[in-house]
Amino acid sequence: MSDGTGLEEFAKAYPGRFFDVGIAEGHALTFAAGLACEGLKPVCSIYSTFLQRGFDQIMHDIAMQNLPVVMTDRQGGAGRRDGATITEILTCRICDWSLT
């Protein structure tokens, strides 16, 4: 998914620091939490519409442990650039809940 998230150049430049888990959003977030537990500063990029698949991981594995995981969002908002199924207006609320 490096091309869809804009990380293709990074993946080529740093192959040992880029991990593509495909469409396993929950796994990506738990993996990022594990890396953060070991002292790393992971950046996790997920398509907005699929972020709800990782809601529990955001809350329990990252936010409640106050782990330094940076999450980036791809295609959030109410626009329909890629069709009705690739929009997610709730992304901001999901991330807002994890901060409180």
PDB file of N, CA and C in Angstrom:
ATOM      1  N   MET A   1       0.810  -1.196   0.000  1.00  0.00           N
ATOM      2  CA  MET A   1       0.000   0.000   0.000  1.00  0.00           C
ATOM      3  C   MET A   1       0.854   1.262   0.000  1.00  0.00           C
ATOM      4  N   SER A   2       2.134   1.120  -0.282  1.00  0.00           N
ATOM      5  CA  SER A   2       3.012   2.294  -0.233  1.00  0.00           C
ATOM      6  C   SER A   2       2.624   3.340  -1.270  1.00  0.00           C
ATOM      7  N   ASP A   3       2.149   2.916  -2.416  1.00  0.00           N
ATOM      8  CA  ASP A   3       1.788   3.898  -3.445  1.00  0.00           C
ATOM      9  C   ASP A   3       0.528   4.662  -3.065  1.00  0.00           C
ATOM     10  N   GLY A   4      -0.460   4.002  -2.488  1.00  0.00           N
ATOM     11  CA  GLY A   4      -1.709   4.656  -2.114  1.00  0.00           C
ATOM     12  C   GLY A   4      -1.592   5.598  -0.934  1.00  0.00           C
ATOM     13  N   THR A   5      -0.586   5.402  -0.118  1.00  0.00           N
ATOM     14  CA  THR A   5      -0.410   6.262   1.056  1.00  0.00           C
ATOM     15  C   THR A   5       0.689   7.302   0.848  1.00  0.00           C
ATOM     16  N   GLY A   6       1.273   7.314  -0.336  1.00  0.00           N
ATOM     17  CA  GLY A   6       2.297   8.304  -0.633  1.00  0.00           C
ATOM     18  C   GLY A   6       3.652   7.988  -0.039  1.00  0.00           C
ATOM     19  N   LEU A   7       3.877   6.730   0.319  1.00  0.00           N
ATOM     20  CA  LEU A   7       5.130   6.362   0.973  1.00  0.00           C
ATOM     21  C   LEU A   7       6.061   5.533   0.088  1.00  0.00           C
ATOM     22  N   GLU A   8       5.805   5.536  -1.201  1.00  0.00           N
ATOM     23  CA  GLU A   8       6.597   4.731  -2.122  1.00  0.00           C
ATOM     24  C   GLU A   8       8.083   5.108  -2.098  1.00  0.00           C
ATOM     25  N   GLU A   9       8.379   6.397  -2.115  1.00  0.00           N
ATOM     26  CA  GLU A   9       9.773   6.855  -2.086  1.00  0.00           C
ATOM     27  C   GLU A   9      10.450   6.478  -0.767  1.00  0.00           C
ATOM     28  N   PHE A  10       9.723   6.645   0.337  1.00  0.00           N
ATOM     29  CA  PHE A  10      10.280   6.280   1.642  1.00  0.00           C
ATOM     30  C   PHE A  10      10.581   4.782   1.686  1.00  0.00           C
ATOM     31  N   ALA A  11       9.651   3.971   1.170  1.00  0.00           N
ATOM     32  CA  ALA A  11       9.839   2.519   1.168  1.00  0.00           C
ATOM     33  C   ALA A  11      11.090   2.112   0.388  1.00  0.00           C
ATOM     34  N   LYS A  12      11.348   2.796  -0.715  1.00  0.00           N
ATOM     35  CA  LYS A  12      12.543   2.503  -1.514  1.00  0.00           C
ATOM     36  C   LYS A  12      13.816   2.972  -0.817  1.00  0.00           C
ATOM     37  N   ALA A  13      13.747   4.140  -0.202  1.00  0.00           N
ATOM     38  CA  ALA A  13      14.928   4.712   0.450  1.00  0.00           C
ATOM     39  C   ALA A  13      15.294   4.000   1.747  1.00  0.00           C
ATOM     40  N   TYR A  14      14.282   3.504   2.466  1.00  0.00           N
ATOM     41  CA  TYR A  14      14.500   2.881   3.777  1.00  0.00           C
ATOM     42  C   TYR A  14      13.770   1.541   3.873  1.00  0.00           C
ATOM     43  N   PRO A  15      14.192   0.556   3.107  1.00  0.00           N
ATOM     44  CA  PRO A  15      13.459  -0.718   3.091  1.00  0.00           C
ATOM     45  C   PRO A  15      13.428  -1.436   4.444  1.00  0.00           C
ATOM     46  N   GLY A  16      14.396  -1.210   5.286  1.00  0.00           N
ATOM     47  CA  GLY A  16      14.406  -1.838   6.606  1.00  0.00           C
ATOM     48  C   GLY A  16      13.557  -1.116   7.636  1.00  0.00           C
ATOM     49  N   ARG A  17      13.015   0.029   7.236  1.00  0.00           N
ATOM     50  CA  ARG A  17      12.206   0.822   8.163  1.00  0.00           C
ATOM     51  C   ARG A  17      10.764   0.971   7.692  1.00  0.00           C
ATOM     52  N   PHE A  18      10.409   0.309   6.601  1.00  0.00           N
ATOM     53  CA  PHE A  18       9.057   0.378   6.052  1.00  0.00           C
ATOM     54  C   PHE A  18       8.435  -1.011   6.084  1.00  0.00           C
ATOM     55  N   PHE A  19       7.256  -1.112   6.650  1.00  0.00           N
ATOM     56  CA  PHE A  19       6.565  -2.387   6.746  1.00  0.00           C
ATOM     57  C   PHE A  19       5.168  -2.239   6.150  1.00  0.00           C
ATOM     58  N   ASP A  20       4.872  -3.026   5.136  1.00  0.00           N
ATOM     59  CA  ASP A  20       3.564  -2.984   4.484  1.00  0.00           C
ATOM     60  C   ASP A  20       2.748  -4.176   4.979  1.00  0.00           C
ATOM     61  N   VAL A  21       1.696  -3.908   5.722  1.00  0.00           N
ATOM     62  CA  VAL A  21       0.850  -4.997   6.233  1.00  0.00           C
ATOM     63  C   VAL A  21      -0.412  -5.155   5.399  1.00  0.00           C
ATOM     64  N   GLY A  22      -0.454  -4.498   4.243  1.00  0.00           N
ATOM     65  CA  GLY A  22      -1.607  -4.625   3.359  1.00  0.00           C
ATOM     66  C   GLY A  22      -2.837  -3.981   3.965  1.00  0.00           C
ATOM     67  N   ILE A  23      -3.940  -4.719   3.937  1.00  0.00           N
ATOM     68  CA  ILE A  23      -5.199  -4.162   4.431  1.00  0.00           C
ATOM     69  C   ILE A  23      -5.521  -4.667   5.839  1.00  0.00           C
ATOM     70  N   ALA A  24      -4.502  -4.917   6.617  1.00  0.00           N
ATOM     71  CA  ALA A  24      -4.669  -5.374   8.005  1.00  0.00           C
ATOM     72  C   ALA A  24      -4.487  -4.188   8.947  1.00  0.00           C
ATOM     73  N   GLU A  25      -5.479  -3.300   8.949  1.00  0.00           N
ATOM     74  CA  GLU A  25      -5.363  -2.050   9.697  1.00  0.00           C
ATOM     75  C   GLU A  25      -5.165  -2.273  11.191  1.00  0.00           C
ATOM     76  N   GLY A  26      -5.928  -3.174  11.777  1.00  0.00           N
ATOM     77  CA  GLY A  26      -5.779  -3.474  13.197  1.00  0.00           C
ATOM     78  C   GLY A  26      -4.381  -3.969  13.522  1.00  0.00           C
ATOM     79  N   HIS A  27      -3.860  -4.837  12.661  1.00  0.00           N
ATOM     80  CA  HIS A  27      -2.506  -5.347  12.864  1.00  0.00           C
ATOM     81  C   HIS A  27      -1.481  -4.212  12.746  1.00  0.00           C
ATOM     82  N   ALA A  28      -1.674  -3.334  11.782  1.00  0.00           N
ATOM     83  CA  ALA A  28      -0.740  -2.219  11.595  1.00  0.00           C
ATOM     84  C   ALA A  28      -0.638  -1.375  12.860  1.00  0.00           C
ATOM     85  N   LEU A  29      -1.784  -1.105  13.488  1.00  0.00           N
ATOM     86  CA  LEU A  29      -1.791  -0.286  14.699  1.00  0.00           C
ATOM     87  C   LEU A  29      -1.172  -1.026  15.887  1.00  0.00           C
ATOM     88  N   THR A  30      -1.471  -2.301  16.033  1.00  0.00           N
ATOM     89  CA  THR A  30      -0.877  -3.085  17.119  1.00  0.00           C
ATOM     90  C   THR A  30       0.631  -3.228  16.907  1.00  0.00           C
ATOM     91  N   PHE A  31       1.042  -3.427  15.672  1.00  0.00           N
ATOM     92  CA  PHE A  31       2.460  -3.505  15.328  1.00  0.00           C
ATOM     93  C   PHE A  31       3.160  -2.189  15.679  1.00  0.00           C
ATOM     94  N   ALA A  32       2.530  -1.063  15.332  1.00  0.00           N
ATOM     95  CA  ALA A  32       3.096   0.248  15.667  1.00  0.00           C
ATOM     96  C   ALA A  32       3.200   0.413  17.178  1.00  0.00           C
ATOM     97  N   ALA A  33       2.182  -0.043  17.909  1.00  0.00           N
ATOM     98  CA  ALA A  33       2.230   0.036  19.374  1.00  0.00           C
ATOM     99  C   ALA A  33       3.392  -0.788  19.920  1.00  0.00           C
ATOM    100  N   GLY A  34       3.593  -1.974  19.370  1.00  0.00           N
ATOM    101  CA  GLY A  34       4.711  -2.811  19.804  1.00  0.00           C
ATOM    102  C   GLY A  34       6.053  -2.159  19.542  1.00  0.00           C
ATOM    103  N   LEU A  35       6.198  -1.540  18.386  1.00  0.00           N
ATOM    104  CA  LEU A  35       7.439  -0.826  18.075  1.00  0.00           C
ATOM    105  C   LEU A  35       7.656   0.314  19.058  1.00  0.00           C
ATOM    106  N   ALA A  36       6.575   1.032  19.376  1.00  0.00           N
ATOM    107  CA  ALA A  36       6.682   2.142  20.328  1.00  0.00           C
ATOM    108  C   ALA A  36       7.056   1.641  21.717  1.00  0.00           C
ATOM    109  N   CYS A  37       6.557   0.487  22.105  1.00  0.00           N
ATOM    110  CA  CYS A  37       6.912  -0.089  23.408  1.00  0.00           C
ATOM    111  C   CYS A  37       8.400  -0.398  23.492  1.00  0.00           C
ATOM    112  N   GLU A  38       9.010  -0.637  22.345  1.00  0.00           N
ATOM    113  CA  GLU A  38      10.440  -0.945  22.305  1.00  0.00           C
ATOM    114  C   GLU A  38      11.295   0.295  22.092  1.00  0.00           C
ATOM    115  N   GLY A  39      10.682   1.476  22.174  1.00  0.00           N
ATOM    116  CA  GLY A  39      11.447   2.714  22.104  1.00  0.00           C
ATOM    117  C   GLY A  39      11.506   3.373  20.742  1.00  0.00           C
ATOM    118  N   LEU A  40      10.877   2.787  19.742  1.00  0.00           N
ATOM    119  CA  LEU A  40      10.874   3.402  18.419  1.00  0.00           C
ATOM    120  C   LEU A  40       9.749   4.428  18.318  1.00  0.00           C
ATOM    121  N   LYS A  41       9.756   5.235  17.283  1.00  0.00           N
ATOM    122  CA  LYS A  41       8.731   6.262  17.048  1.00  0.00           C
ATOM    123  C   LYS A  41       8.039   5.961  15.714  1.00  0.00           C
ATOM    124  N   PRO A  42       7.125   4.993  15.698  1.00  0.00           N
ATOM    125  CA  PRO A  42       6.496   4.577  14.438  1.00  0.00           C
ATOM    126  C   PRO A  42       5.489   5.591  13.902  1.00  0.00           C
ATOM    127  N   VAL A  43       5.382   5.605  12.573  1.00  0.00           N
ATOM    128  CA  VAL A  43       4.368   6.381  11.864  1.00  0.00           C
ATOM    129  C   VAL A  43       3.499   5.366  11.138  1.00  0.00           C
ATOM    130  N   CYS A  44       2.200   5.443  11.359  1.00  0.00           N
ATOM    131  CA  CYS A  44       1.266   4.472  10.800  1.00  0.00           C
ATOM    132  C   CYS A  44       0.291   5.212   9.883  1.00  0.00           C
ATOM    133  N   SER A  45       0.289   4.872   8.595  1.00  0.00           N
ATOM    134  CA  SER A  45      -0.565   5.539   7.616  1.00  0.00           C
ATOM    135  C   SER A  45      -1.685   4.596   7.191  1.00  0.00           C
ATOM    136  N   ILE A  46      -2.924   5.043   7.378  1.00  0.00           N
ATOM    137  CA  ILE A  46      -4.090   4.201   7.106  1.00  0.00           C
ATOM    138  C   ILE A  46      -5.129   4.994   6.326  1.00  0.00           C
ATOM    139  N   TYR A  47      -5.765   4.331   5.366  1.00  0.00           N
ATOM    140  CA  TYR A  47      -6.882   4.940   4.657  1.00  0.00           C
ATOM    141  C   TYR A  47      -7.986   5.251   5.659  1.00  0.00           C
ATOM    142  N   SER A  48      -8.480   6.449   5.597  1.00  0.00           N
ATOM    143  CA  SER A  48      -9.459   6.927   6.566  1.00  0.00           C
ATOM    144  C   SER A  48     -10.667   6.005   6.703  1.00  0.00           C
ATOM    145  N   THR A  49     -11.206   5.558   5.594  1.00  0.00           N
ATOM    146  CA  THR A  49     -12.429   4.771   5.643  1.00  0.00           C
ATOM    147  C   THR A  49     -12.249   3.438   6.368  1.00  0.00           C
ATOM    148  N   PHE A  50     -11.030   2.955   6.468  1.00  0.00           N
ATOM    149  CA  PHE A  50     -10.773   1.681   7.132  1.00  0.00           C
ATOM    150  C   PHE A  50     -10.242   1.840   8.553  1.00  0.00           C
ATOM    151  N   LEU A  51     -10.140   3.069   8.999  1.00  0.00           N
ATOM    152  CA  LEU A  51      -9.609   3.312  10.338  1.00  0.00           C
ATOM    153  C   LEU A  51     -10.485   2.711  11.430  1.00  0.00           C
ATOM    154  N   GLN A  52     -11.799   2.602  11.172  1.00  0.00           N
ATOM    155  CA  GLN A  52     -12.681   2.034  12.187  1.00  0.00           C
ATOM    156  C   GLN A  52     -12.320   0.585  12.504  1.00  0.00           C
ATOM    157  N   ARG A  53     -11.665  -0.102  11.584  1.00  0.00           N
ATOM    158  CA  ARG A  53     -11.229  -1.483  11.850  1.00  0.00           C
ATOM    159  C   ARG A  53     -10.185  -1.545  12.961  1.00  0.00           C
ATOM    160  N   GLY A  54      -9.516  -0.437  13.197  1.00  0.00           N
ATOM    161  CA  GLY A  54      -8.474  -0.405  14.222  1.00  0.00           C
ATOM    162  C   GLY A  54      -8.848   0.416  15.443  1.00  0.00           C
ATOM    163  N   PHE A  55     -10.138   0.711  15.614  1.00  0.00           N
ATOM    164  CA  PHE A  55     -10.560   1.566  16.727  1.00  0.00           C
ATOM    165  C   PHE A  55     -10.108   1.007  18.076  1.00  0.00           C
ATOM    166  N   ASP A  56     -10.303  -0.275  18.325  1.00  0.00           N
ATOM    167  CA  ASP A  56      -9.879  -0.868  19.602  1.00  0.00           C
ATOM    168  C   ASP A  56      -8.376  -0.746  19.798  1.00  0.00           C
ATOM    169  N   GLN A  57      -7.620  -0.948  18.733  1.00  0.00           N
ATOM    170  CA  GLN A  57      -6.167  -0.842  18.851  1.00  0.00           C
ATOM    171  C   GLN A  57      -5.745   0.593  19.142  1.00  0.00           C
ATOM    172  N   ILE A  58      -6.420   1.560  18.521  1.00  0.00           N
ATOM    173  CA  ILE A  58      -6.105   2.961  18.807  1.00  0.00           C
ATOM    174  C   ILE A  58      -6.351   3.248  20.282  1.00  0.00           C
ATOM    175  N   MET A  59      -7.499   2.823  20.775  1.00  0.00           N
ATOM    176  CA  MET A  59      -7.863   3.121  22.161  1.00  0.00           C
ATOM    177  C   MET A  59      -7.011   2.344  23.168  1.00  0.00           C
ATOM    178  N   HIS A  60      -6.990   1.018  23.025  1.00  0.00           N
ATOM    179  CA  HIS A  60      -6.384   0.159  24.048  1.00  0.00           C
ATOM    180  C   HIS A  60      -4.870  -0.007  23.910  1.00  0.00           C
ATOM    181  N   ASP A  61      -4.403  -0.138  22.668  1.00  0.00           N
ATOM    182  CA  ASP A  61      -2.986  -0.430  22.470  1.00  0.00           C
ATOM    183  C   ASP A  61      -2.108   0.816  22.366  1.00  0.00           C
ATOM    184  N   ILE A  62      -2.702   1.938  21.963  1.00  0.00           N
ATOM    185  CA  ILE A  62      -1.904   3.145  21.755  1.00  0.00           C
ATOM    186  C   ILE A  62      -2.261   4.249  22.754  1.00  0.00           C
ATOM    187  N   ALA A  63      -3.504   4.711  22.710  1.00  0.00           N
ATOM    188  CA  ALA A  63      -3.883   5.895  23.497  1.00  0.00           C
ATOM    189  C   ALA A  63      -3.830   5.647  25.005  1.00  0.00           C
ATOM    190  N   MET A  64      -4.390   4.533  25.465  1.00  0.00           N
ATOM    191  CA  MET A  64      -4.433   4.288  26.911  1.00  0.00           C
ATOM    192  C   MET A  64      -3.049   4.042  27.500  1.00  0.00           C
ATOM    193  N   GLN A  65      -2.098   3.662  26.653  1.00  0.00           N
ATOM    194  CA  GLN A  65      -0.716   3.471  27.112  1.00  0.00           C
ATOM    195  C   GLN A  65       0.137   4.706  26.839  1.00  0.00           C
ATOM    196  N   ASN A  66      -0.485   5.718  26.236  1.00  0.00           N
ATOM    197  CA  ASN A  66       0.220   6.964  25.928  1.00  0.00           C
ATOM    198  C   ASN A  66       1.495   6.707  25.117  1.00  0.00           C
ATOM    199  N   LEU A  67       1.364   5.875  24.090  1.00  0.00           N
ATOM    200  CA  LEU A  67       2.526   5.516  23.279  1.00  0.00           C
ATOM    201  C   LEU A  67       2.766   6.542  22.172  1.00  0.00           C
ATOM    202  N   PRO A  68       4.021   6.780  21.824  1.00  0.00           N
ATOM    203  CA  PRO A  68       4.359   7.773  20.804  1.00  0.00           C
ATOM    204  C   PRO A  68       4.200   7.230  19.378  1.00  0.00           C
ATOM    205  N   VAL A  69       2.971   6.979  18.977  1.00  0.00           N
ATOM    206  CA  VAL A  69       2.670   6.514  17.624  1.00  0.00           C
ATOM    207  C   VAL A  69       2.045   7.669  16.851  1.00  0.00           C
ATOM    208  N   VAL A  70       2.613   7.982  15.706  1.00  0.00           N
ATOM    209  CA  VAL A  70       2.051   9.009  14.833  1.00  0.00           C
ATOM    210  C   VAL A  70       1.158   8.309  13.817  1.00  0.00           C
ATOM    211  N   MET A  71      -0.080   8.756  13.711  1.00  0.00           N
ATOM    212  CA  MET A  71      -1.002   8.181  12.733  1.00  0.00           C
ATOM    213  C   MET A  71      -1.302   9.220  11.668  1.00  0.00           C
ATOM    214  N   THR A  72      -1.202   8.810  10.406  1.00  0.00           N
ATOM    215  CA  THR A  72      -1.594   9.684   9.316  1.00  0.00           C
ATOM    216  C   THR A  72      -2.832   9.103   8.667  1.00  0.00           C
ATOM    217  N   ASP A  73      -3.627   9.971   8.092  1.00  0.00           N
ATOM    218  CA  ASP A  73      -4.919   9.613   7.544  1.00  0.00           C
ATOM    219  C   ASP A  73      -4.915   9.879   6.052  1.00  0.00           C
ATOM    220  N   ARG A  74      -5.366   8.935   5.296  1.00  0.00           N
ATOM    221  CA  ARG A  74      -5.453   9.089   3.837  1.00  0.00           C
ATOM    222  C   ARG A  74      -6.912   9.181   3.445  1.00  0.00           C
ATOM    223  N   GLN A  75      -7.288  10.230   2.761  1.00  0.00           N
ATOM    224  CA  GLN A  75      -8.607  10.439   2.183  1.00  0.00           C
ATOM    225  C   GLN A  75      -9.720  10.586   3.210  1.00  0.00           C
ATOM    226  N   GLY A  76      -9.469  11.309   4.266  1.00  0.00           N
ATOM    227  CA  GLY A  76     -10.518  11.578   5.244  1.00  0.00           C
ATOM    228  C   GLY A  76     -11.433  12.688   4.780  1.00  0.00           C
ATOM    229  N   GLY A  77     -12.579  12.794   5.417  1.00  0.00           N
ATOM    230  CA  GLY A  77     -13.517  13.863   5.116  1.00  0.00           C
ATOM    231  C   GLY A  77     -14.766  13.370   4.437  1.00  0.00           C
ATOM    232  N   ALA A  78     -15.514  14.297   3.866  1.00  0.00           N
ATOM    233  CA  ALA A  78     -16.817  13.959   3.296  1.00  0.00           C
ATOM    234  C   ALA A  78     -16.822  13.948   1.777  1.00  0.00           C
ATOM    235  N   GLY A  79     -15.713  14.228   1.127  1.00  0.00           N
ATOM    236  CA  GLY A  79     -15.663  14.233  -0.329  1.00  0.00           C
ATOM    237  C   GLY A  79     -15.797  12.835  -0.898  1.00  0.00           C
ATOM    238  N   ARG A  80     -16.162  12.727  -2.147  1.00  0.00           N
ATOM    239  CA  ARG A  80     -16.328  11.420  -2.790  1.00  0.00           C
ATOM    240  C   ARG A  80     -15.368  11.270  -3.966  1.00  0.00           C
ATOM    241  N   ARG A  81     -14.099  11.445  -3.684  1.00  0.00           N
ATOM    242  CA  ARG A  81     -13.107  11.342  -4.759  1.00  0.00           C
ATOM    243  C   ARG A  81     -13.040   9.939  -5.336  1.00  0.00           C
ATOM    244  N   ASP A  82     -13.131   8.929  -4.489  1.00  0.00           N
ATOM    245  CA  ASP A  82     -13.001   7.547  -4.947  1.00  0.00           C
ATOM    246  C   ASP A  82     -14.294   6.760  -4.785  1.00  0.00           C
ATOM    247  N   GLY A  83     -15.393   7.428  -4.584  1.00  0.00           N
ATOM    248  CA  GLY A  83     -16.665   6.729  -4.448  1.00  0.00           C
ATOM    249  C   GLY A  83     -17.188   6.776  -3.025  1.00  0.00           C
ATOM    250  N   ALA A  84     -18.425   6.376  -2.874  1.00  0.00           N
ATOM    251  CA  ALA A  84     -19.122   6.476  -1.591  1.00  0.00           C
ATOM    252  C   ALA A  84     -18.490   5.635  -0.492  1.00  0.00           C
ATOM    253  N   THR A  85     -17.825   4.557  -0.826  1.00  0.00           N
ATOM    254  CA  THR A  85     -17.249   3.696   0.218  1.00  0.00           C
ATOM    255  C   THR A  85     -15.872   4.154   0.672  1.00  0.00           C
ATOM    256  N   ILE A  86     -15.282   5.102  -0.017  1.00  0.00           N
ATOM    257  CA  ILE A  86     -13.947   5.567   0.350  1.00  0.00           C
ATOM    258  C   ILE A  86     -14.035   6.987   0.906  1.00  0.00           C
ATOM    259  N   THR A  87     -14.990   7.211   1.777  1.00  0.00           N
ATOM    260  CA  THR A  87     -15.094   8.471   2.499  1.00  0.00           C
ATOM    261  C   THR A  87     -15.295   8.134   3.969  1.00  0.00           C
ATOM    262  N   GLU A  88     -14.886   9.017   4.824  1.00  0.00           N
ATOM    263  CA  GLU A  88     -15.065   8.746   6.251  1.00  0.00           C
ATOM    264  C   GLU A  88     -15.117  10.044   7.023  1.00  0.00           C
ATOM    265  N   ILE A  89     -16.292  10.454   7.367  1.00  0.00           N
ATOM    266  CA  ILE A  89     -16.478  11.686   8.116  1.00  0.00           C
ATOM    267  C   ILE A  89     -16.201  11.473   9.610  1.00  0.00           C
ATOM    268  N   LEU A  90     -16.206  10.238  10.079  1.00  0.00           N
ATOM    269  CA  LEU A  90     -16.036   9.957  11.506  1.00  0.00           C
ATOM    270  C   LEU A  90     -14.580   9.887  11.962  1.00  0.00           C
ATOM    271  N   THR A  91     -13.645   9.938  11.049  1.00  0.00           N
ATOM    272  CA  THR A  91     -12.235   9.797  11.414  1.00  0.00           C
ATOM    273  C   THR A  91     -11.806  10.798  12.475  1.00  0.00           C
ATOM    274  N   CYS A  92     -12.200  12.045  12.312  1.00  0.00           N
ATOM    275  CA  CYS A  92     -11.806  13.062  13.293  1.00  0.00           C
ATOM    276  C   CYS A  92     -12.384  12.738  14.662  1.00  0.00           C
ATOM    277  N   ARG A  93     -13.602  12.248  14.728  1.00  0.00           N
ATOM    278  CA  ARG A  93     -14.209  11.899  16.009  1.00  0.00           C
ATOM    279  C   ARG A  93     -13.516  10.679  16.623  1.00  0.00           C
ATOM    280  N   ILE A  94     -13.180   9.698  15.820  1.00  0.00           N
ATOM    281  CA  ILE A  94     -12.485   8.516  16.343  1.00  0.00           C
ATOM    282  C   ILE A  94     -11.170   8.940  16.992  1.00  0.00           C
ATOM    283  N   CYS A  95     -10.413   9.757  16.304  1.00  0.00           N
ATOM    284  CA  CYS A  95      -9.120  10.188  16.837  1.00  0.00           C
ATOM    285  C   CYS A  95      -9.314  11.149  18.009  1.00  0.00           C
ATOM    286  N   ASP A  96     -10.344  11.948  17.981  1.00  0.00           N
ATOM    287  CA  ASP A  96     -10.635  12.864  19.090  1.00  0.00           C
ATOM    288  C   ASP A  96     -10.959  12.065  20.350  1.00  0.00           C
ATOM    289  N   TRP A  97     -11.735  11.008  20.226  1.00  0.00           N
ATOM    290  CA  TRP A  97     -12.066  10.177  21.393  1.00  0.00           C
ATOM    291  C   TRP A  97     -10.821   9.577  22.020  1.00  0.00           C
ATOM    292  N   SER A  98      -9.861   9.215  21.188  1.00  0.00           N
ATOM    293  CA  SER A  98      -8.660   8.572  21.720  1.00  0.00           C
ATOM    294  C   SER A  98      -7.770   9.545  22.493  1.00  0.00           C
ATOM    295  N   LEU A  99      -7.991  10.829  22.313  1.00  0.00           N
ATOM    296  CA  LEU A  99      -7.166  11.827  22.992  1.00  0.00           C
ATOM    297  C   LEU A  99      -7.740  12.256  24.330  1.00  0.00           C
ATOM    298  N   THR A 100      -8.996  11.916  24.600  1.00  0.00           N
ATOM    299  CA  THR A 100      -9.628  12.370  25.846  1.00  0.00           C
ATOM    300  C   THR A 100      -9.508  11.337  26.939  1.00  0.00           C
TER     301      THR A 100
END
